[in-house]
PDB file of N, CA and C in Angstrom:
ATOM      1  N   UNK A   1      98.663 101.653 130.215  1.00  0.00           N
ATOM      2  CA  UNK A   1      98.140 101.257 129.278  1.00  0.00           C
ATOM      3  C   UNK A   1      96.596 100.538 129.267  1.00  0.00           C
ATOM      4  N   UNK A   2      95.404 100.787 129.747  1.00  0.00           N
ATOM      5  CA  UNK A   2      93.872 100.640 128.945  1.00  0.00           C
ATOM      6  C   UNK A   2      94.173  99.390 128.483  1.00  0.00           C
ATOM      7  N   UNK A   3      93.289  97.944 129.289  1.00  0.00           N
ATOM      8  CA  UNK A   3      92.939  96.997 128.335  1.00  0.00           C
ATOM      9  C   UNK A   3      91.612  97.186 126.756  1.00  0.00           C
ATOM     10  N   UNK A   4      92.060  96.289 126.694  1.00  0.00           N
ATOM     11  CA  UNK A   4      91.294  96.481 125.666  1.00  0.00           C
ATOM     12  C   UNK A   4      90.267  95.227 125.964  1.00  0.00           C
ATOM     13  N   UNK A   5      88.869  95.827 125.836  1.00  0.00           N
ATOM     14  CA  UNK A   5      87.716  94.772 126.603  1.00  0.00           C
ATOM     15  C   UNK A   5      87.157  93.890 125.167  1.00  0.00           C
ATOM     16  N   UNK A   6      86.620  92.274 125.317  1.00  0.00           N
ATOM     17  CA  UNK A   6      86.076  92.414 124.871  1.00  0.00           C
ATOM     18  C   UNK A   6      85.550  92.540 123.210  1.00  0.00           C
ATOM     19  N   UNK A   7      84.264  93.285 124.351  1.00  0.00           N
ATOM     20  CA  UNK A   7      83.161  94.686 122.719  1.00  0.00           C
ATOM     21  C   UNK A   7      84.246  95.448 122.439  1.00  0.00           C
ATOM     22  N   UNK A   8      85.463  95.958 123.339  1.00  0.00           N
ATOM     23  CA  UNK A   8      86.067  96.427 121.835  1.00  0.00           C
ATOM     24  C   UNK A   8      86.514  95.955 120.748  1.00  0.00           C
ATOM     25  N   UNK A   9      87.013  94.342 121.310  1.00  0.00           N
ATOM     26  CA  UNK A   9      88.216  93.728 120.110  1.00  0.00           C
ATOM     27  C   UNK A   9      86.892  93.615 119.487  1.00  0.00           C
ATOM     28  N   UNK A  10      85.713  92.884 119.350  1.00  0.00           N
ATOM     29  CA  UNK A  10      84.206  92.900 118.645  1.00  0.00           C
ATOM     30  C   UNK A  10      84.770  93.853 117.507  1.00  0.00           C
ATOM     31  N   UNK A  11      84.994  94.598 117.775  1.00  0.00           N
ATOM     32  CA  UNK A  11      84.202  96.350 116.962  1.00  0.00           C
ATOM     33  C   UNK A  11      85.820  96.537 115.921  1.00  0.00           C
ATOM     34  N   UNK A  12      86.838  96.179 117.485  1.00  0.00           N
ATOM     35  CA  UNK A  12      88.637  96.920 116.122  1.00  0.00           C
ATOM     36  C   UNK A  12      88.324  95.961 115.335  1.00  0.00           C
ATOM     37  N   UNK A  13      88.288  93.908 115.336  1.00  0.00           N
ATOM     38  CA  UNK A  13      88.545  92.793 114.090  1.00  0.00           C
ATOM     39  C   UNK A  13      87.435  92.775 113.543  1.00  0.00           C
ATOM     40  N   UNK A  14      86.197  93.624 113.311  1.00  0.00           N
ATOM     41  CA  UNK A  14      85.468  94.801 112.085  1.00  0.00           C
ATOM     42  C   UNK A  14      85.475  94.841 111.724  1.00  0.00           C
ATOM     43  N   UNK A  15      86.562  96.065 112.352  1.00  0.00           N
ATOM     44  CA  UNK A  15      86.427  97.245 111.470  1.00  0.00           C
ATOM     45  C   UNK A  15      87.232  97.230 109.830  1.00  0.00           C
ATOM     46  N   UNK A  16      87.389  97.675 108.992  1.00  0.00           N
ATOM     47  CA  UNK A  16      88.256  98.267 107.980  1.00  0.00           C
ATOM     48  C   UNK A  16      89.052  99.195 107.623  1.00  0.00           C
ATOM     49  N   UNK A  17      88.595  99.674 109.061  1.00  0.00           N
ATOM     50  CA  UNK A  17      89.570 101.093 109.125  1.00  0.00           C
ATOM     51  C   UNK A  17      88.954 101.310 110.161  1.00  0.00           C
ATOM     52  N   UNK A  18      89.943 101.590 111.004  1.00  0.00           N
ATOM     53  CA  UNK A  18      91.228 102.146 111.685  1.00  0.00           C
ATOM     54  C   UNK A  18      91.847 103.061 112.555  1.00  0.00           C
ATOM     55  N   UNK A  19      92.144 104.151 113.149  1.00  0.00           N
ATOM     56  CA  UNK A  19      92.375 104.924 113.600  1.00  0.00           C
ATOM     57  C   UNK A  19      93.935 104.796 114.696  1.00  0.00           C
ATOM     58  N   UNK A  20      94.641 105.100 114.828  1.00  0.00           N
ATOM     59  CA  UNK A  20      95.599 106.125 115.786  1.00  0.00           C
ATOM     60  C   UNK A  20      96.321 107.018 115.786  1.00  0.00           C
ATOM     61  N   UNK A  21      95.860 106.962 117.061  1.00  0.00           N
ATOM     62  CA  UNK A  21      95.833 109.040 118.397  1.00  0.00           C
ATOM     63  C   UNK A  21      97.180 108.656 118.771  1.00  0.00           C
ATOM     64  N   UNK A  22      98.466 109.418 118.578  1.00  0.00           N
ATOM     65  CA  UNK A  22     100.000 109.225 119.829  1.00  0.00           C
ATOM     66  C   UNK A  22     100.505 111.036 119.738  1.00  0.00           C
ATOM     67  N   UNK A  23     100.957 111.690 120.529  1.00  0.00           N
ATOM     68  CA  UNK A  23     101.995 112.321 121.152  1.00  0.00           C
ATOM     69  C   UNK A  23     102.974 112.253 120.978  1.00  0.00           C
ATOM     70  N   UNK A  24     103.529 113.009 120.177  1.00  0.00           N
ATOM     71  CA  UNK A  24     104.385 113.971 120.811  1.00  0.00           C
ATOM     72  C   UNK A  24     105.501 114.219 122.340  1.00  0.00           C
ATOM     73  N   UNK A  25     106.253 114.440 122.274  1.00  0.00           N
ATOM     74  CA  UNK A  25     106.875 115.031 124.087  1.00  0.00           C
ATOM     75  C   UNK A  25     106.293 116.367 124.262  1.00  0.00           C
ATOM     76  N   UNK A  26     106.523 116.959 122.814  1.00  0.00           N
ATOM     77  CA  UNK A  26     105.857 118.106 123.047  1.00  0.00           C
ATOM     78  C   UNK A  26     104.653 118.632 122.611  1.00  0.00           C
ATOM     79  N   UNK A  27     103.889 117.360 123.119  1.00  0.00           N
ATOM     80  CA  UNK A  27     102.106 117.331 122.629  1.00  0.00           C
ATOM     81  C   UNK A  27     101.536 117.207 121.945  1.00  0.00           C
ATOM     82  N   UNK A  28     102.702 118.163 120.756  1.00  0.00           N
ATOM     83  CA  UNK A  28     100.918 117.910 119.011  1.00  0.00           C
ATOM     84  C   UNK A  28     100.990 116.445 118.567  1.00  0.00           C
ATOM     85  N   UNK A  29      99.653 116.185 118.718  1.00  0.00           N
ATOM     86  CA  UNK A  29      98.977 115.436 118.367  1.00  0.00           C
ATOM     87  C   UNK A  29      99.177 114.629 117.145  1.00  0.00           C
ATOM     88  N   UNK A  30      98.502 113.406 116.952  1.00  0.00           N
ATOM     89  CA  UNK A  30      99.268 112.617 115.544  1.00  0.00           C
ATOM     90  C   UNK A  30      98.709 111.646 115.343  1.00  0.00           C
ATOM     91  N   UNK A  31      97.887 112.047 114.018  1.00  0.00           N
ATOM     92  CA  UNK A  31      96.105 111.102 113.953  1.00  0.00           C
ATOM     93  C   UNK A  31      96.721 110.153 111.941  1.00  0.00           C
ATOM     94  N   UNK A  32      96.369 109.163 112.606  1.00  0.00           N
ATOM     95  CA  UNK A  32      96.964 108.340 111.103  1.00  0.00           C
ATOM     96  C   UNK A  32      95.944 107.236 111.388  1.00  0.00           C
ATOM     97  N   UNK A  33      95.361 106.847 110.106  1.00  0.00           N
ATOM     98  CA  UNK A  33      94.762 105.424 109.300  1.00  0.00           C
ATOM     99  C   UNK A  33      95.843 104.172 108.991  1.00  0.00           C
ATOM    100  N   UNK A  34      94.641 102.684 109.812  1.00  0.00           N
ATOM    101  CA  UNK A  34      95.460 102.071 110.077  1.00  0.00           C
ATOM    102  C   UNK A  34      94.513 101.021 109.775  1.00  0.00           C
ATOM    103  N   UNK A  35      94.593 100.611 108.421  1.00  0.00           N
ATOM    104  CA  UNK A  35      93.684  99.151 107.923  1.00  0.00           C
ATOM    105  C   UNK A  35      94.437  97.907 108.216  1.00  0.00           C
ATOM    106  N   UNK A  36      95.466  97.610 109.198  1.00  0.00           N
ATOM    107  CA  UNK A  36      96.067  95.992 109.192  1.00  0.00           C
ATOM    108  C   UNK A  36      96.234  96.497 111.151  1.00  0.00           C
ATOM    109  N   UNK A  37      95.287  96.906 111.922  1.00  0.00           N
ATOM    110  CA  UNK A  37      95.744  97.415 113.712  1.00  0.00           C
ATOM    111  C   UNK A  37      94.643  95.088 113.775  1.00  0.00           C
ATOM    112  N   UNK A  38      94.844  94.587 115.176  1.00  0.00           N
ATOM    113  CA  UNK A  38      94.598  93.528 114.948  1.00  0.00           C
ATOM    114  C   UNK A  38      94.320  93.406 117.374  1.00  0.00           C
ATOM    115  N   UNK A  39      94.402  92.966 118.056  1.00  0.00           N
ATOM    116  CA  UNK A  39      94.324  92.930 119.612  1.00  0.00           C
ATOM    117  C   UNK A  39      94.775  91.398 119.808  1.00  0.00           C
ATOM    118  N   UNK A  40      96.267  91.761 120.558  1.00  0.00           N
ATOM    119  CA  UNK A  40      96.721  90.536 121.142  1.00  0.00           C
ATOM    120  C   UNK A  40      96.572  90.449 122.921  1.00  0.00           C
ATOM    121  N   UNK A  41      96.737  89.311 123.178  1.00  0.00           N
ATOM    122  CA  UNK A  41      96.981  89.984 124.560  1.00  0.00           C
ATOM    123  C   UNK A  41      95.864  90.901 124.998  1.00  0.00           C
ATOM    124  N   UNK A  42      95.229  91.644 125.037  1.00  0.00           N
ATOM    125  CA  UNK A  42      94.526  92.693 125.308  1.00  0.00           C
ATOM    126  C   UNK A  42      94.666  94.288 124.732  1.00  0.00           C
ATOM    127  N   UNK A  43      95.441  93.908 123.870  1.00  0.00           N
ATOM    128  CA  UNK A  43      96.332  95.287 123.556  1.00  0.00           C
ATOM    129  C   UNK A  43      95.980  94.974 121.662  1.00  0.00           C
ATOM    130  N   UNK A  44      96.238  96.413 121.142  1.00  0.00           N
ATOM    131  CA  UNK A  44      96.662  96.852 119.717  1.00  0.00           C
ATOM    132  C   UNK A  44      97.801  96.445 119.327  1.00  0.00           C
ATOM    133  N   UNK A  45      98.187  95.444 118.474  1.00  0.00           N
ATOM    134  CA  UNK A  45      99.286  95.617 117.805  1.00  0.00           C
ATOM    135  C   UNK A  45      98.660  95.021 115.781  1.00  0.00           C
ATOM    136  N   UNK A  46     100.133  95.322 115.260  1.00  0.00           N
ATOM    137  CA  UNK A  46      99.436  94.782 114.002  1.00  0.00           C
ATOM    138  C   UNK A  46     100.283  93.672 113.154  1.00  0.00           C
ATOM    139  N   UNK A  47     100.325  93.629 112.378  1.00  0.00           N
ATOM    140  CA  UNK A  47     101.011  92.703 112.213  1.00  0.00           C
ATOM    141  C   UNK A  47     102.390  93.148 111.347  1.00  0.00           C
ATOM    142  N   UNK A  48     103.026  93.100 111.460  1.00  0.00           N
ATOM    143  CA  UNK A  48     104.515  94.081 111.240  1.00  0.00           C
ATOM    144  C   UNK A  48     105.131  93.807 113.198  1.00  0.00           C
ATOM    145  N   UNK A  49     104.527  94.125 113.830  1.00  0.00           N
ATOM    146  CA  UNK A  49     104.529  93.806 115.331  1.00  0.00           C
ATOM    147  C   UNK A  49     105.159  92.013 115.507  1.00  0.00           C
ATOM    148  N   UNK A  50     104.009  91.514 114.610  1.00  0.00           N
ATOM    149  CA  UNK A  50     103.121  90.216 115.324  1.00  0.00           C
ATOM    150  C   UNK A  50     104.871  89.517 113.859  1.00  0.00           C
ATOM    151  N   UNK A  51     105.231  89.838 113.657  1.00  0.00           N
ATOM    152  CA  UNK A  51     106.292  89.556 112.504  1.00  0.00           C
ATOM    153  C   UNK A  51     107.631  89.680 113.452  1.00  0.00           C
ATOM    154  N   UNK A  52     108.039  90.899 113.662  1.00  0.00           N
ATOM    155  CA  UNK A  52     109.133  90.696 114.274  1.00  0.00           C
ATOM    156  C   UNK A  52     109.108  90.286 115.936  1.00  0.00           C
ATOM    157  N   UNK A  53     108.088  90.135 116.131  1.00  0.00           N
ATOM    158  CA  UNK A  53     108.287  89.212 118.015  1.00  0.00           C
ATOM    159  C   UNK A  53     107.987  90.171 118.463  1.00  0.00           C
ATOM    160  N   UNK A  54     106.723  91.596 118.369  1.00  0.00           N
ATOM    161  CA  UNK A  54     107.395  93.212 119.155  1.00  0.00           C
ATOM    162  C   UNK A  54     105.533  93.345 119.644  1.00  0.00           C
ATOM    163  N   UNK A  55     104.797  91.778 119.730  1.00  0.00           N
ATOM    164  CA  UNK A  55     103.262  91.948 120.184  1.00  0.00           C
ATOM    165  C   UNK A  55     102.817  93.100 121.316  1.00  0.00           C
TER     166      UNK A  55
END
């Protein structure tokens, strides 16, 4: 996994809306808007992940 740089982190924290892209096992892409992403310890996380202890 790629570490988030300080420049990337500043952009993410200022963004009103971000997009997360993933692929499933057969390579089909999935792109979804996220209004609640942040960076913790150099990686993306979301408020739900923080509440569940999955940062």
